[in-house]
Each structure stands twice: as C-alpha cells, then as structure tokens.
PDB file of N, CA and C in Angstrom:
ATOM      1  N   UNK A   1     253.392 343.703 191.216  1.00  0.00           N
ATOM      2  CA  UNK A   1     252.980 342.466 190.810  1.00  0.00           C
ATOM      3  C   UNK A   1     251.469 342.337 192.854  1.00  0.00           C
ATOM      4  N   UNK A   2     252.270 343.698 193.639  1.00  0.00           N
ATOM      5  CA  UNK A   2     252.113 344.179 194.757  1.00  0.00           C
ATOM      6  C   UNK A   2     249.856 343.904 195.132  1.00  0.00           C
ATOM      7  N   UNK A   3     250.042 345.244 194.142  1.00  0.00           N
ATOM      8  CA  UNK A   3     248.814 345.484 193.149  1.00  0.00           C
ATOM      9  C   UNK A   3     247.780 344.373 193.132  1.00  0.00           C
ATOM     10  N   UNK A   4     248.045 343.953 192.194  1.00  0.00           N
ATOM     11  CA  UNK A   4     247.446 341.891 191.666  1.00  0.00           C
ATOM     12  C   UNK A   4     247.068 341.387 192.614  1.00  0.00           C
ATOM     13  N   UNK A   5     247.792 341.297 193.589  1.00  0.00           N
ATOM     14  CA  UNK A   5     247.612 340.389 195.017  1.00  0.00           C
ATOM     15  C   UNK A   5     246.534 341.028 195.887  1.00  0.00           C
ATOM     16  N   UNK A   6     246.975 342.492 196.038  1.00  0.00           N
ATOM     17  CA  UNK A   6     246.150 343.546 197.088  1.00  0.00           C
ATOM     18  C   UNK A   6     244.540 342.935 196.507  1.00  0.00           C
ATOM     19  N   UNK A   7     244.127 343.170 194.678  1.00  0.00           N
ATOM     20  CA  UNK A   7     242.850 343.079 194.948  1.00  0.00           C
ATOM     21  C   UNK A   7     242.378 341.991 194.899  1.00  0.00           C
ATOM     22  N   UNK A   8     243.449 340.762 194.629  1.00  0.00           N
ATOM     23  CA  UNK A   8     242.862 339.484 194.925  1.00  0.00           C
ATOM     24  C   UNK A   8     241.458 339.309 196.033  1.00  0.00           C
ATOM     25  N   UNK A   9     242.777 339.366 196.632  1.00  0.00           N
ATOM     26  CA  UNK A   9     242.373 339.257 198.832  1.00  0.00           C
ATOM     27  C   UNK A   9     241.386 340.731 199.181  1.00  0.00           C
ATOM     28  N   UNK A  10     241.360 341.945 198.192  1.00  0.00           N
ATOM     29  CA  UNK A  10     240.164 342.739 198.978  1.00  0.00           C
ATOM     30  C   UNK A  10     238.811 342.845 198.658  1.00  0.00           C
ATOM     31  N   UNK A  11     238.847 342.703 200.452  1.00  0.00           N
ATOM     32  CA  UNK A  11     236.605 342.327 200.496  1.00  0.00           C
ATOM     33  C   UNK A  11     235.549 343.671 200.625  1.00  0.00           C
ATOM     34  N   UNK A  12     236.927 344.132 199.880  1.00  0.00           N
ATOM     35  CA  UNK A  12     235.220 345.412 198.494  1.00  0.00           C
ATOM     36  C   UNK A  12     235.214 345.062 198.128  1.00  0.00           C
ATOM     37  N   UNK A  13     236.294 344.515 196.715  1.00  0.00           N
ATOM     38  CA  UNK A  13     236.037 343.692 195.762  1.00  0.00           C
ATOM     39  C   UNK A  13     234.794 342.568 195.585  1.00  0.00           C
ATOM     40  N   UNK A  14     233.888 343.105 194.454  1.00  0.00           N
ATOM     41  CA  UNK A  14     233.244 341.067 194.904  1.00  0.00           C
ATOM     42  C   UNK A  14     233.015 339.898 194.155  1.00  0.00           C
ATOM     43  N   UNK A  15     233.179 338.956 194.801  1.00  0.00           N
ATOM     44  CA  UNK A  15     233.648 338.150 194.042  1.00  0.00           C
ATOM     45  C   UNK A  15     232.408 337.094 192.501  1.00  0.00           C
ATOM     46  N   UNK A  16     233.175 337.083 192.031  1.00  0.00           N
ATOM     47  CA  UNK A  16     231.795 335.882 191.161  1.00  0.00           C
ATOM     48  C   UNK A  16     230.703 334.989 191.284  1.00  0.00           C
ATOM     49  N   UNK A  17     230.488 334.726 191.837  1.00  0.00           N
ATOM     50  CA  UNK A  17     229.322 333.914 191.805  1.00  0.00           C
ATOM     51  C   UNK A  17     229.972 332.940 191.749  1.00  0.00           C
ATOM     52  N   UNK A  18     230.448 331.326 192.444  1.00  0.00           N
ATOM     53  CA  UNK A  18     230.224 329.976 192.414  1.00  0.00           C
ATOM     54  C   UNK A  18     229.695 328.794 192.100  1.00  0.00           C
ATOM     55  N   UNK A  19     228.064 329.463 192.236  1.00  0.00           N
ATOM     56  CA  UNK A  19     227.641 328.492 192.337  1.00  0.00           C
ATOM     57  C   UNK A  19     227.303 327.261 192.133  1.00  0.00           C
ATOM     58  N   UNK A  20     228.155 327.243 190.923  1.00  0.00           N
ATOM     59  CA  UNK A  20     228.719 325.934 190.861  1.00  0.00           C
ATOM     60  C   UNK A  20     228.819 324.919 191.307  1.00  0.00           C
ATOM     61  N   UNK A  21     229.878 325.143 192.038  1.00  0.00           N
ATOM     62  CA  UNK A  21     231.789 324.660 192.828  1.00  0.00           C
ATOM     63  C   UNK A  21     230.760 324.163 194.530  1.00  0.00           C
ATOM     64  N   UNK A  22     229.356 323.768 194.755  1.00  0.00           N
ATOM     65  CA  UNK A  22     229.246 324.949 196.088  1.00  0.00           C
ATOM     66  C   UNK A  22     228.171 322.622 196.083  1.00  0.00           C
ATOM     67  N   UNK A  23     228.291 322.305 195.180  1.00  0.00           N
ATOM     68  CA  UNK A  23     227.668 321.844 195.267  1.00  0.00           C
ATOM     69  C   UNK A  23     227.868 320.408 194.613  1.00  0.00           C
ATOM     70  N   UNK A  24     227.258 319.071 194.887  1.00  0.00           N
ATOM     71  CA  UNK A  24     227.737 317.357 193.637  1.00  0.00           C
ATOM     72  C   UNK A  24     226.086 317.913 192.770  1.00  0.00           C
ATOM     73  N   UNK A  25     225.237 318.544 192.269  1.00  0.00           N
ATOM     74  CA  UNK A  25     224.398 318.485 190.694  1.00  0.00           C
ATOM     75  C   UNK A  25     224.584 319.220 189.830  1.00  0.00           C
ATOM     76  N   UNK A  26     224.212 318.438 188.716  1.00  0.00           N
ATOM     77  CA  UNK A  26     224.559 319.259 187.447  1.00  0.00           C
ATOM     78  C   UNK A  26     224.322 320.451 186.872  1.00  0.00           C
ATOM     79  N   UNK A  27     225.054 321.139 186.698  1.00  0.00           N
ATOM     80  CA  UNK A  27     224.309 322.023 185.968  1.00  0.00           C
ATOM     81  C   UNK A  27     223.627 322.548 185.169  1.00  0.00           C
ATOM     82  N   UNK A  28     222.266 323.447 185.372  1.00  0.00           N
ATOM     83  CA  UNK A  28     221.608 324.137 183.744  1.00  0.00           C
ATOM     84  C   UNK A  28     222.069 323.329 182.854  1.00  0.00           C
ATOM     85  N   UNK A  29     222.895 323.787 182.811  1.00  0.00           N
ATOM     86  CA  UNK A  29     224.250 323.532 180.860  1.00  0.00           C
ATOM     87  C   UNK A  29     224.568 322.047 180.681  1.00  0.00           C
ATOM     88  N   UNK A  30     224.531 321.389 182.000  1.00  0.00           N
ATOM     89  CA  UNK A  30     224.758 319.731 181.535  1.00  0.00           C
ATOM     90  C   UNK A  30     223.570 318.890 180.909  1.00  0.00           C
ATOM     91  N   UNK A  31     222.294 319.673 182.470  1.00  0.00           N
ATOM     92  CA  UNK A  31     221.140 319.025 181.555  1.00  0.00           C
ATOM     93  C   UNK A  31     220.392 319.449 180.161  1.00  0.00           C
ATOM     94  N   UNK A  32     220.582 320.271 180.157  1.00  0.00           N
ATOM     95  CA  UNK A  32     219.662 320.967 178.561  1.00  0.00           C
ATOM     96  C   UNK A  32     221.283 320.078 177.484  1.00  0.00           C
ATOM     97  N   UNK A  33     222.712 319.831 177.960  1.00  0.00           N
ATOM     98  CA  UNK A  33     223.247 319.329 176.915  1.00  0.00           C
ATOM     99  C   UNK A  33     222.839 317.847 177.311  1.00  0.00           C
ATOM    100  N   UNK A  34     222.757 317.186 178.339  1.00  0.00           N
ATOM    101  CA  UNK A  34     221.962 315.679 178.532  1.00  0.00           C
ATOM    102  C   UNK A  34     221.211 315.155 177.879  1.00  0.00           C
ATOM    103  N   UNK A  35     219.665 316.650 177.613  1.00  0.00           N
ATOM    104  CA  UNK A  35     218.800 316.284 176.985  1.00  0.00           C
ATOM    105  C   UNK A  35     218.835 316.140 175.744  1.00  0.00           C
ATOM    106  N   UNK A  36     219.705 317.174 174.690  1.00  0.00           N
ATOM    107  CA  UNK A  36     220.095 317.440 173.602  1.00  0.00           C
ATOM    108  C   UNK A  36     220.098 315.670 172.854  1.00  0.00           C
ATOM    109  N   UNK A  37     220.878 315.702 173.766  1.00  0.00           N
ATOM    110  CA  UNK A  37     222.150 314.063 173.383  1.00  0.00           C
ATOM    111  C   UNK A  37     221.199 312.899 173.312  1.00  0.00           C
ATOM    112  N   UNK A  38     220.107 312.929 174.639  1.00  0.00           N
ATOM    113  CA  UNK A  38     218.945 312.527 174.609  1.00  0.00           C
ATOM    114  C   UNK A  38     217.839 312.210 173.105  1.00  0.00           C
ATOM    115  N   UNK A  39     218.093 313.086 173.002  1.00  0.00           N
ATOM    116  CA  UNK A  39     216.765 313.041 171.618  1.00  0.00           C
ATOM    117  C   UNK A  39     217.345 312.754 170.212  1.00  0.00           C
ATOM    118  N   UNK A  40     218.712 313.359 170.794  1.00  0.00           N
ATOM    119  CA  UNK A  40     219.622 313.295 169.307  1.00  0.00           C
ATOM    120  C   UNK A  40     219.429 311.446 169.255  1.00  0.00           C
ATOM    121  N   UNK A  41     220.001 310.646 170.479  1.00  0.00           N
ATOM    122  CA  UNK A  41     219.443 309.271 170.683  1.00  0.00           C
ATOM    123  C   UNK A  41     218.429 308.628 170.461  1.00  0.00           C
ATOM    124  N   UNK A  42     217.082 309.278 170.076  1.00  0.00           N
ATOM    125  CA  UNK A  42     216.342 308.832 170.743  1.00  0.00           C
ATOM    126  C   UNK A  42     215.913 308.608 168.950  1.00  0.00           C
ATOM    127  N   UNK A  43     215.959 310.239 167.855  1.00  0.00           N
ATOM    128  CA  UNK A  43     216.753 310.425 166.960  1.00  0.00           C
ATOM    129  C   UNK A  43     217.119 309.528 166.193  1.00  0.00           C
ATOM    130  N   UNK A  44     217.599 309.104 166.734  1.00  0.00           N
ATOM    131  CA  UNK A  44     219.290 308.206 165.318  1.00  0.00           C
ATOM    132  C   UNK A  44     218.045 306.954 165.485  1.00  0.00           C
ATOM    133  N   UNK A  45     217.583 306.459 166.441  1.00  0.00           N
ATOM    134  CA  UNK A  45     217.179 305.422 166.292  1.00  0.00           C
ATOM    135  C   UNK A  45     215.674 305.358 165.804  1.00  0.00           C
ATOM    136  N   UNK A  46     215.122 306.056 165.716  1.00  0.00           N
ATOM    137  CA  UNK A  46     214.110 305.475 164.963  1.00  0.00           C
ATOM    138  C   UNK A  46     214.125 306.166 163.002  1.00  0.00           C
ATOM    139  N   UNK A  47     215.454 307.195 163.017  1.00  0.00           N
ATOM    140  CA  UNK A  47     215.908 307.310 161.616  1.00  0.00           C
ATOM    141  C   UNK A  47     216.408 305.715 160.864  1.00  0.00           C
ATOM    142  N   UNK A  48     217.211 304.708 161.831  1.00  0.00           N
ATOM    143  CA  UNK A  48     218.016 303.790 161.786  1.00  0.00           C
ATOM    144  C   UNK A  48     216.927 302.314 162.077  1.00  0.00           C
ATOM    145  N   UNK A  49     215.951 302.636 162.649  1.00  0.00           N
ATOM    146  CA  UNK A  49     215.410 301.797 162.778  1.00  0.00           C
ATOM    147  C   UNK A  49     214.384 301.637 161.145  1.00  0.00           C
ATOM    148  N   UNK A  50     214.042 303.383 160.864  1.00  0.00           N
ATOM    149  CA  UNK A  50     212.693 303.011 159.821  1.00  0.00           C
ATOM    150  C   UNK A  50     214.273 302.332 158.588  1.00  0.00           C
ATOM    151  N   UNK A  51     215.298 302.690 158.578  1.00  0.00           N
ATOM    152  CA  UNK A  51     215.935 302.472 157.152  1.00  0.00           C
ATOM    153  C   UNK A  51     216.616 300.974 157.880  1.00  0.00           C
ATOM    154  N   UNK A  52     215.752 300.515 158.595  1.00  0.00           N
ATOM    155  CA  UNK A  52     216.410 298.436 158.805  1.00  0.00           C
ATOM    156  C   UNK A  52     214.736 298.339 157.952  1.00  0.00           C
ATOM    157  N   UNK A  53     213.601 298.630 158.696  1.00  0.00           N
ATOM    158  CA  UNK A  53     212.578 298.362 158.046  1.00  0.00           C
ATOM    159  C   UNK A  53     212.422 298.305 156.440  1.00  0.00           C
ATOM    160  N   UNK A  54     213.050 299.547 156.297  1.00  0.00           N
ATOM    161  CA  UNK A  54     212.610 299.596 154.487  1.00  0.00           C
ATOM    162  C   UNK A  54     214.011 298.769 153.803  1.00  0.00           C
ATOM    163  N   UNK A  55     214.983 298.106 154.410  1.00  0.00           N
ATOM    164  CA  UNK A  55     215.231 297.573 154.064  1.00  0.00           C
ATOM    165  C   UNK A  55     214.750 296.007 154.280  1.00  0.00           C
ATOM    166  N   UNK A  56     214.443 294.921 155.062  1.00  0.00           N
ATOM    167  CA  UNK A  56     213.307 294.042 155.054  1.00  0.00           C
ATOM    168  C   UNK A  56     213.033 294.009 154.343  1.00  0.00           C
ATOM    169  N   UNK A  57     212.118 294.596 153.966  1.00  0.00           N
ATOM    170  CA  UNK A  57     211.011 295.152 153.464  1.00  0.00           C
ATOM    171  C   UNK A  57     211.611 294.479 151.982  1.00  0.00           C
ATOM    172  N   UNK A  58     212.286 294.483 152.213  1.00  0.00           N
ATOM    173  CA  UNK A  58     212.980 295.484 150.194  1.00  0.00           C
ATOM    174  C   UNK A  58     213.470 293.914 150.254  1.00  0.00           C
ATOM    175  N   UNK A  59     214.473 293.528 150.764  1.00  0.00           N
ATOM    176  CA  UNK A  59     214.921 291.786 151.281  1.00  0.00           C
ATOM    177  C   UNK A  59     213.321 290.392 150.698  1.00  0.00           C
ATOM    178  N   UNK A  60     212.369 291.606 151.771  1.00  0.00           N
ATOM    179  CA  UNK A  60     211.749 289.722 151.467  1.00  0.00           C
ATOM    180  C   UNK A  60     210.623 290.121 150.520  1.00  0.00           C
ATOM    181  N   UNK A  61     211.287 291.347 149.569  1.00  0.00           N
ATOM    182  CA  UNK A  61     210.534 292.044 148.356  1.00  0.00           C
ATOM    183  C   UNK A  61     211.272 290.748 147.168  1.00  0.00           C
ATOM    184  N   UNK A  62     212.061 290.749 147.707  1.00  0.00           N
ATOM    185  CA  UNK A  62     212.980 289.634 146.816  1.00  0.00           C
ATOM    186  C   UNK A  62     213.103 287.964 146.839  1.00  0.00           C
ATOM    187  N   UNK A  63     212.146 287.297 147.158  1.00  0.00           N
ATOM    188  CA  UNK A  63     212.129 286.829 147.783  1.00  0.00           C
ATOM    189  C   UNK A  63     210.609 285.681 147.794  1.00  0.00           C
ATOM    190  N   UNK A  64     209.767 286.800 147.291  1.00  0.00           N
ATOM    191  CA  UNK A  64     208.294 286.649 146.598  1.00  0.00           C
ATOM    192  C   UNK A  64     208.949 286.501 145.426  1.00  0.00           C
ATOM    193  N   UNK A  65     207.986 286.311 144.457  1.00  0.00           N
ATOM    194  CA  UNK A  65     208.010 285.502 142.827  1.00  0.00           C
ATOM    195  C   UNK A  65     206.848 286.789 142.605  1.00  0.00           C
ATOM    196  N   UNK A  66     207.242 287.853 140.748  1.00  0.00           N
ATOM    197  CA  UNK A  66     207.072 289.182 140.495  1.00  0.00           C
ATOM    198  C   UNK A  66     205.276 289.056 140.756  1.00  0.00           C
ATOM    199  N   UNK A  67     205.031 287.619 140.657  1.00  0.00           N
ATOM    200  CA  UNK A  67     203.806 287.751 139.866  1.00  0.00           C
ATOM    201  C   UNK A  67     203.048 286.758 141.366  1.00  0.00           C
ATOM    202  N   UNK A  68     202.178 287.303 142.459  1.00  0.00           N
ATOM    203  CA  UNK A  68     201.335 287.604 143.337  1.00  0.00           C
ATOM    204  C   UNK A  68     200.376 285.627 143.528  1.00  0.00           C
ATOM    205  N   UNK A  69     200.008 285.765 141.547  1.00  0.00           N
ATOM    206  CA  UNK A  69     198.971 284.797 141.777  1.00  0.00           C
ATOM    207  C   UNK A  69     199.182 283.673 141.176  1.00  0.00           C
ATOM    208  N   UNK A  70     201.122 283.741 140.345  1.00  0.00           N
ATOM    209  CA  UNK A  70     201.625 281.944 140.313  1.00  0.00           C
ATOM    210  C   UNK A  70     201.358 280.956 141.456  1.00  0.00           C
ATOM    211  N   UNK A  71     201.819 281.625 141.809  1.00  0.00           N
ATOM    212  CA  UNK A  71     201.622 280.174 143.472  1.00  0.00           C
ATOM    213  C   UNK A  71     200.148 279.636 143.408  1.00  0.00           C
ATOM    214  N   UNK A  72     199.622 280.619 143.320  1.00  0.00           N
ATOM    215  CA  UNK A  72     197.575 280.324 143.029  1.00  0.00           C
ATOM    216  C   UNK A  72     197.155 278.779 142.468  1.00  0.00           C
ATOM    217  N   UNK A  73     197.685 279.176 141.052  1.00  0.00           N
ATOM    218  CA  UNK A  73     197.789 278.827 140.251  1.00  0.00           C
ATOM    219  C   UNK A  73     198.253 277.451 140.268  1.00  0.00           C
ATOM    220  N   UNK A  74     199.512 277.661 140.019  1.00  0.00           N
ATOM    221  CA  UNK A  74     200.750 276.514 140.381  1.00  0.00           C
ATOM    222  C   UNK A  74     199.756 275.365 141.834  1.00  0.00           C
ATOM    223  N   UNK A  75     199.141 275.348 143.019  1.00  0.00           N
ATOM    224  CA  UNK A  75     198.621 274.636 143.646  1.00  0.00           C
ATOM    225  C   UNK A  75     197.111 274.297 142.284  1.00  0.00           C
ATOM    226  N   UNK A  76     196.480 275.289 142.489  1.00  0.00           N
ATOM    227  CA  UNK A  76     195.207 274.297 141.250  1.00  0.00           C
ATOM    228  C   UNK A  76     195.704 273.228 140.030  1.00  0.00           C
ATOM    229  N   UNK A  77     197.066 274.667 140.035  1.00  0.00           N
ATOM    230  CA  UNK A  77     196.823 272.902 138.775  1.00  0.00           C
ATOM    231  C   UNK A  77     197.021 271.599 139.266  1.00  0.00           C
ATOM    232  N   UNK A  78     198.210 272.443 140.222  1.00  0.00           N
ATOM    233  CA  UNK A  78     198.969 270.579 141.293  1.00  0.00           C
ATOM    234  C   UNK A  78     197.931 269.185 142.032  1.00  0.00           C
ATOM    235  N   UNK A  79     196.916 270.096 142.357  1.00  0.00           N
ATOM    236  CA  UNK A  79     195.295 269.851 142.782  1.00  0.00           C
ATOM    237  C   UNK A  79     194.561 269.246 142.146  1.00  0.00           C
ATOM    238  N   UNK A  80     194.558 269.716 141.447  1.00  0.00           N
ATOM    239  CA  UNK A  80     193.390 269.562 139.760  1.00  0.00           C
ATOM    240  C   UNK A  80     191.693 270.567 140.579  1.00  0.00           C
ATOM    241  N   UNK A  81     191.884 270.993 140.972  1.00  0.00           N
ATOM    242  CA  UNK A  81     190.758 271.725 141.387  1.00  0.00           C
ATOM    243  C   UNK A  81     190.553 273.009 140.792  1.00  0.00           C
ATOM    244  N   UNK A  82     189.890 273.450 140.866  1.00  0.00           N
ATOM    245  CA  UNK A  82     189.012 274.046 139.336  1.00  0.00           C
ATOM    246  C   UNK A  82     189.444 273.572 137.783  1.00  0.00           C
TER     247      UNK A  82
END
C-alpha cells in the first residue's frame, strides 16, 4: 500500500492531462454529440413533416369528389349556362 501511495505522489511520474477539468467550456466530445443530436432533431422534423404533409393531402383527397368535372357539370345544369 505504501508503494502505491509513493507512486501517486512521486513527482517524476507524469500526471495525465486534465484539460477537460480546467474550465467550464464544453469538451469536443460534447460539441460533436450536441451537433449530431441537433442534426437528428432536424431530420426528425423533416421526416415527420413530410409524413404529415402526405396525410393532409390524403385527407383533402377524401373530401374532394372522384370526378373533378362533376361539380362543373352540376353548376352548368343548375345555372342553365351552355
């Protein structure tokens, strides 16, 4: 046990760099992680936005008649034009 304590306090043994504990700035690993999470968030917004747009178009298509000219013919017969 004494040898271990001597090794820890021995000034000849270089200590590992502790640059990540010197200040409160984020590390490079956290910056990369945050950028990747931000990209994943943007990709999820685009993905679900496209799905939502397709679902809205599909809902509108159910509201429209199957024959697009049926409404024109009905209006022409109702007004007596043509």
